[in-house]
Amino acid sequence: MIIIMNAVITGAVSQETATASSSVTIVTPIGITKSVDMNFGNVATNSTGGTVVLTTGGSTSITGGLTLPANTGTVTAAAFEVTGEANYTYTIALTIGTIILQDEAGTPNEMTVDTFVSNPDATGALTSGVQTINMGANLNVAGGQAPGVYRNSGGLTVTVNYN
């Protein structure tokens, strides 16, 4: 009788096995390159100074004692080309803080750029695998700012990451 029960118990135990495959899709890496530098154009000041507001569309307006001469010079919002996988979205992070422009003549004169804005703003979409980000900002000009060309050789940063 013990032998029969052992055979019944052994036959009731079974083992099943299933398998699954694995895969991965490597997407096009997100990339960004500068295509246009930011330029506030020509500005004239008096003893009170003011601010030049550069929009993401590349137009300027002024506050305070500044004047935009008829000869505007080159006025451009910064532009960056983002490339990557079509139909993906991404986050946009801009320069935080203040950028200092220094007089190219080597004098201690400087101005600051701040209040950075972009279009698109915080999130972009790579509808066809490419999108342009335009960047504007405020230029703060002191009263009696010395004439000259003021420049910064970097510092305007845009960081992008896939969502």
C-alpha atoms as a PDB file:
ATOM      1  CA  MET A   1       0.000   0.000   0.000  1.00  0.00           C
ATOM      2  CA  ILE A   2       2.842   2.434   0.717  1.00  0.00           C
ATOM      3  CA  ILE A   3       4.357   1.768  -2.710  1.00  0.00           C
ATOM      4  CA  ILE A   4       1.126   2.660  -4.512  1.00  0.00           C
ATOM      5  CA  MET A   5       0.749   6.011  -2.712  1.00  0.00           C
ATOM      6  CA  ASN A   6       4.315   6.948  -3.548  1.00  0.00           C
ATOM      7  CA  ALA A   7       3.637   6.371  -7.222  1.00  0.00           C
ATOM      8  CA  VAL A   8       0.469   8.469  -7.116  1.00  0.00           C
ATOM      9  CA  ILE A   9       2.237  11.368  -5.391  1.00  0.00           C
ATOM     10  CA  THR A  10       5.183  11.294  -7.816  1.00  0.00           C
ATOM     11  CA  GLY A  11       2.902  11.329 -10.891  1.00  0.00           C
ATOM     12  CA  ALA A  12       1.000  14.385  -9.633  1.00  0.00           C
ATOM     13  CA  VAL A  13       4.081  16.661  -9.700  1.00  0.00           C
ATOM     14  CA  SER A  14       4.843  18.286 -13.102  1.00  0.00           C
ATOM     15  CA  GLN A  15       7.114  21.062 -14.292  1.00  0.00           C
ATOM     16  CA  GLU A  16       6.405  23.624 -17.056  1.00  0.00           C
ATOM     17  CA  THR A  17       8.834  26.026 -18.741  1.00  0.00           C
ATOM     18  CA  ALA A  18       8.150  29.234 -20.696  1.00  0.00           C
ATOM     19  CA  THR A  19      10.598  31.477 -22.519  1.00  0.00           C
ATOM     20  CA  ALA A  20      10.588  35.159 -23.462  1.00  0.00           C
ATOM     21  CA  SER A  21      12.759  37.107 -25.827  1.00  0.00           C
ATOM     22  CA  SER A  22      14.313  40.490 -25.075  1.00  0.00           C
ATOM     23  CA  SER A  23      14.940  43.490 -27.295  1.00  0.00           C
ATOM     24  CA  VAL A  24      15.949  47.115 -27.205  1.00  0.00           C
ATOM     25  CA  THR A  25      15.614  50.060 -29.581  1.00  0.00           C
ATOM     26  CA  ILE A  26      18.479  52.545 -29.572  1.00  0.00           C
ATOM     27  CA  VAL A  27      17.105  55.962 -30.440  1.00  0.00           C
ATOM     28  CA  THR A  28      18.979  58.759 -32.121  1.00  0.00           C
ATOM     29  CA  PRO A  29      20.905  60.666 -29.441  1.00  0.00           C
ATOM     30  CA  ILE A  30      19.630  64.145 -28.711  1.00  0.00           C
ATOM     31  CA  GLY A  31      22.001  66.842 -29.896  1.00  0.00           C
ATOM     32  CA  ILE A  32      22.208  70.623 -29.829  1.00  0.00           C
ATOM     33  CA  THR A  33      24.361  73.093 -31.761  1.00  0.00           C
ATOM     34  CA  LYS A  34      24.487  76.878 -31.777  1.00  0.00           C
ATOM     35  CA  SER A  35      23.425  78.336 -35.103  1.00  0.00           C
ATOM     36  CA  VAL A  36      23.248  82.088 -34.282  1.00  0.00           C
ATOM     37  CA  ASP A  37      24.938  84.207 -31.580  1.00  0.00           C
ATOM     38  CA  MET A  38      22.944  86.674 -29.466  1.00  0.00           C
ATOM     39  CA  ASN A  39      23.442  90.317 -30.473  1.00  0.00           C
ATOM     40  CA  PHE A  40      21.676  93.329 -28.940  1.00  0.00           C
ATOM     41  CA  GLY A  41      22.739  95.611 -31.815  1.00  0.00           C
ATOM     42  CA  ASN A  42      23.641  99.282 -31.402  1.00  0.00           C
ATOM     43  CA  VAL A  43      22.569 101.111 -28.248  1.00  0.00           C
ATOM     44  CA  ALA A  44      23.138 104.682 -27.058  1.00  0.00           C
ATOM     45  CA  THR A  45      22.973 105.684 -23.395  1.00  0.00           C
ATOM     46  CA  ASN A  46      22.820 108.819 -21.314  1.00  0.00           C
ATOM     47  CA  SER A  47      23.591 109.358 -17.640  1.00  0.00           C
ATOM     48  CA  THR A  48      20.671 107.215 -16.401  1.00  0.00           C
ATOM     49  CA  GLY A  49      21.263 103.907 -18.211  1.00  0.00           C
ATOM     50  CA  GLY A  50      18.553 101.295 -18.678  1.00  0.00           C
ATOM     51  CA  THR A  51      17.762  97.881 -20.097  1.00  0.00           C
ATOM     52  CA  VAL A  52      17.619  96.484 -23.627  1.00  0.00           C
ATOM     53  CA  VAL A  53      15.078  93.647 -23.884  1.00  0.00           C
ATOM     54  CA  LEU A  54      15.839  91.207 -26.702  1.00  0.00           C
ATOM     55  CA  THR A  55      12.895  88.944 -27.560  1.00  0.00           C
ATOM     56  CA  THR A  56      13.128  85.379 -28.823  1.00  0.00           C
ATOM     57  CA  GLY A  57      11.901  86.764 -32.165  1.00  0.00           C
ATOM     58  CA  GLY A  58      14.975  89.002 -32.463  1.00  0.00           C
ATOM     59  CA  SER A  59      13.444  92.400 -31.761  1.00  0.00           C
ATOM     60  CA  THR A  60      14.521  94.882 -29.081  1.00  0.00           C
ATOM     61  CA  SER A  61      12.853  97.375 -26.801  1.00  0.00           C
ATOM     62  CA  ILE A  62      14.388  99.692 -24.216  1.00  0.00           C
ATOM     63  CA  THR A  63      13.778 101.104 -20.753  1.00  0.00           C
ATOM     64  CA  GLY A  64      15.381 104.031 -18.928  1.00  0.00           C
ATOM     65  CA  GLY A  65      17.709 106.467 -20.650  1.00  0.00           C
ATOM     66  CA  LEU A  66      18.658 104.269 -23.609  1.00  0.00           C
ATOM     67  CA  THR A  67      18.137 104.950 -27.302  1.00  0.00           C
ATOM     68  CA  LEU A  68      18.060 102.552 -30.228  1.00  0.00           C
ATOM     69  CA  PRO A  69      19.712 104.480 -33.093  1.00  0.00           C
ATOM     70  CA  ALA A  70      18.365 104.373 -36.640  1.00  0.00           C
ATOM     71  CA  ASN A  71      21.443 102.304 -37.523  1.00  0.00           C
ATOM     72  CA  THR A  72      20.383  99.323 -35.409  1.00  0.00           C
ATOM     73  CA  GLY A  73      23.407  97.186 -36.232  1.00  0.00           C
ATOM     74  CA  THR A  74      22.980  93.432 -36.073  1.00  0.00           C
ATOM     75  CA  VAL A  75      20.134  92.369 -33.790  1.00  0.00           C
ATOM     76  CA  THR A  76      19.639  88.642 -33.343  1.00  0.00           C
ATOM     77  CA  ALA A  77      18.272  86.315 -30.730  1.00  0.00           C
ATOM     78  CA  ALA A  78      20.571  83.367 -30.071  1.00  0.00           C
ATOM     79  CA  ALA A  79      19.452  80.251 -31.941  1.00  0.00           C
ATOM     80  CA  PHE A  80      20.205  76.597 -31.255  1.00  0.00           C
ATOM     81  CA  GLU A  81      19.289  73.602 -33.412  1.00  0.00           C
ATOM     82  CA  VAL A  82      18.125  70.521 -31.528  1.00  0.00           C
ATOM     83  CA  THR A  83      18.243  67.165 -33.327  1.00  0.00           C
ATOM     84  CA  GLY A  84      17.129  63.729 -32.261  1.00  0.00           C
ATOM     85  CA  GLU A  85      14.512  61.033 -32.593  1.00  0.00           C
ATOM     86  CA  ALA A  86      11.408  62.170 -34.508  1.00  0.00           C
ATOM     87  CA  ASN A  87       8.253  62.671 -32.438  1.00  0.00           C
ATOM     88  CA  TYR A  88      10.111  62.761 -29.101  1.00  0.00           C
ATOM     89  CA  THR A  89       9.812  65.631 -26.617  1.00  0.00           C
ATOM     90  CA  TYR A  90      12.599  67.112 -24.557  1.00  0.00           C
ATOM     91  CA  THR A  91      13.194  69.505 -21.667  1.00  0.00           C
ATOM     92  CA  ILE A  92      14.979  72.830 -22.073  1.00  0.00           C
ATOM     93  CA  ALA A  93      17.174  74.386 -19.370  1.00  0.00           C
ATOM     94  CA  LEU A  94      18.682  77.836 -19.970  1.00  0.00           C
ATOM     95  CA  THR A  95      21.617  79.733 -18.501  1.00  0.00           C
ATOM     96  CA  ILE A  96      20.849  80.590 -14.917  1.00  0.00           C
ATOM     97  CA  GLY A  97      22.164  83.797 -13.419  1.00  0.00           C
ATOM     98  CA  THR A  98      24.056  86.620 -15.056  1.00  0.00           C
ATOM     99  CA  ILE A  99      26.520  86.756 -17.932  1.00  0.00           C
ATOM    100  CA  ILE A 100      29.136  89.515 -18.005  1.00  0.00           C
ATOM    101  CA  LEU A 101      30.041  91.263 -21.267  1.00  0.00           C
ATOM    102  CA  GLN A 102      33.461  92.891 -21.228  1.00  0.00           C
ATOM    103  CA  ASP A 103      34.787  95.727 -23.341  1.00  0.00           C
ATOM    104  CA  GLU A 104      36.951  94.273 -26.133  1.00  0.00           C
ATOM    105  CA  ALA A 105      39.394  97.164 -25.701  1.00  0.00           C
ATOM    106  CA  GLY A 106      40.576  95.534 -22.471  1.00  0.00           C
ATOM    107  CA  THR A 107      39.265  98.230 -20.155  1.00  0.00           C
ATOM    108  CA  PRO A 108      37.490  97.217 -16.941  1.00  0.00           C
ATOM    109  CA  ASN A 109      34.130  98.297 -18.417  1.00  0.00           C
ATOM    110  CA  GLU A 110      31.414  95.644 -18.423  1.00  0.00           C
ATOM    111  CA  MET A 111      27.665  95.064 -18.684  1.00  0.00           C
ATOM    112  CA  THR A 112      25.446  92.208 -17.565  1.00  0.00           C
ATOM    113  CA  VAL A 113      22.959  90.015 -19.390  1.00  0.00           C
ATOM    114  CA  ASP A 114      20.205  88.205 -17.487  1.00  0.00           C
ATOM    115  CA  THR A 115      16.512  87.204 -17.553  1.00  0.00           C
ATOM    116  CA  PHE A 116      16.984  84.561 -20.246  1.00  0.00           C
ATOM    117  CA  VAL A 117      13.912  83.322 -22.153  1.00  0.00           C
ATOM    118  CA  SER A 118      13.447  80.778 -24.918  1.00  0.00           C
ATOM    119  CA  ASN A 119      10.938  79.746 -27.546  1.00  0.00           C
ATOM    120  CA  PRO A 120       9.901  77.017 -27.063  1.00  0.00           C
ATOM    121  CA  ASP A 121       9.969  77.632 -23.339  1.00  0.00           C
ATOM    122  CA  ALA A 122      10.474  74.574 -21.070  1.00  0.00           C
ATOM    123  CA  THR A 123       9.634  71.691 -23.409  1.00  0.00           C
ATOM    124  CA  GLY A 124      10.334  71.156 -27.078  1.00  0.00           C
ATOM    125  CA  ALA A 125       9.062  68.617 -29.615  1.00  0.00           C
ATOM    126  CA  LEU A 126      11.137  66.991 -32.337  1.00  0.00           C
ATOM    127  CA  THR A 127       8.197  66.589 -34.719  1.00  0.00           C
ATOM    128  CA  SER A 128      10.445  65.781 -37.671  1.00  0.00           C
ATOM    129  CA  GLY A 129      13.605  65.101 -35.668  1.00  0.00           C
ATOM    130  CA  VAL A 130      14.740  68.748 -35.557  1.00  0.00           C
ATOM    131  CA  GLN A 131      13.651  71.971 -33.838  1.00  0.00           C
ATOM    132  CA  THR A 132      15.127  75.441 -33.350  1.00  0.00           C
ATOM    133  CA  ILE A 133      15.271  77.087 -29.920  1.00  0.00           C
ATOM    134  CA  ASN A 134      15.477  80.895 -29.967  1.00  0.00           C
ATOM    135  CA  MET A 135      16.865  82.651 -26.881  1.00  0.00           C
ATOM    136  CA  GLY A 136      16.363  86.235 -25.743  1.00  0.00           C
ATOM    137  CA  ALA A 137      17.529  88.137 -22.650  1.00  0.00           C
ATOM    138  CA  ASN A 138      17.916  91.530 -20.982  1.00  0.00           C
ATOM    139  CA  LEU A 139      21.051  93.660 -21.349  1.00  0.00           C
ATOM    140  CA  ASN A 140      21.653  95.985 -18.384  1.00  0.00           C
ATOM    141  CA  VAL A 141      23.435  99.185 -19.434  1.00  0.00           C
ATOM    142  CA  ALA A 142      24.840 101.575 -16.828  1.00  0.00           C
ATOM    143  CA  GLY A 143      24.367 105.309 -17.077  1.00  0.00           C
ATOM    144  CA  GLY A 144      27.306 106.786 -18.982  1.00  0.00           C
ATOM    145  CA  GLN A 145      28.451 103.345 -20.176  1.00  0.00           C
ATOM    146  CA  ALA A 146      31.725 103.750 -22.083  1.00  0.00           C
ATOM    147  CA  PRO A 147      31.437 103.358 -25.875  1.00  0.00           C
ATOM    148  CA  GLY A 148      32.887 100.182 -27.327  1.00  0.00           C
ATOM    149  CA  VAL A 149      32.146  96.632 -28.383  1.00  0.00           C
ATOM    150  CA  TYR A 150      31.259  94.400 -25.440  1.00  0.00           C
ATOM    151  CA  ARG A 151      31.486  90.664 -25.817  1.00  0.00           C
ATOM    152  CA  ASN A 152      31.344  87.379 -23.967  1.00  0.00           C
ATOM    153  CA  SER A 153      32.890  84.290 -25.531  1.00  0.00           C
ATOM    154  CA  GLY A 154      30.382  81.787 -24.208  1.00  0.00           C
ATOM    155  CA  GLY A 155      28.236  81.365 -21.183  1.00  0.00           C
ATOM    156  CA  LEU A 156      24.895  81.335 -22.968  1.00  0.00           C
ATOM    157  CA  THR A 157      24.042  77.710 -22.420  1.00  0.00           C
ATOM    158  CA  VAL A 158      21.031  75.652 -23.331  1.00  0.00           C
ATOM    159  CA  THR A 159      20.787  72.080 -22.086  1.00  0.00           C
ATOM    160  CA  VAL A 160      18.311  69.609 -23.588  1.00  0.00           C
ATOM    161  CA  ASN A 161      17.293  66.126 -22.438  1.00  0.00           C
ATOM    162  CA  TYR A 162      14.712  63.679 -23.689  1.00  0.00           C
ATOM    163  CA  ASN A 163      11.560  63.444 -21.585  1.00  0.00           C
END
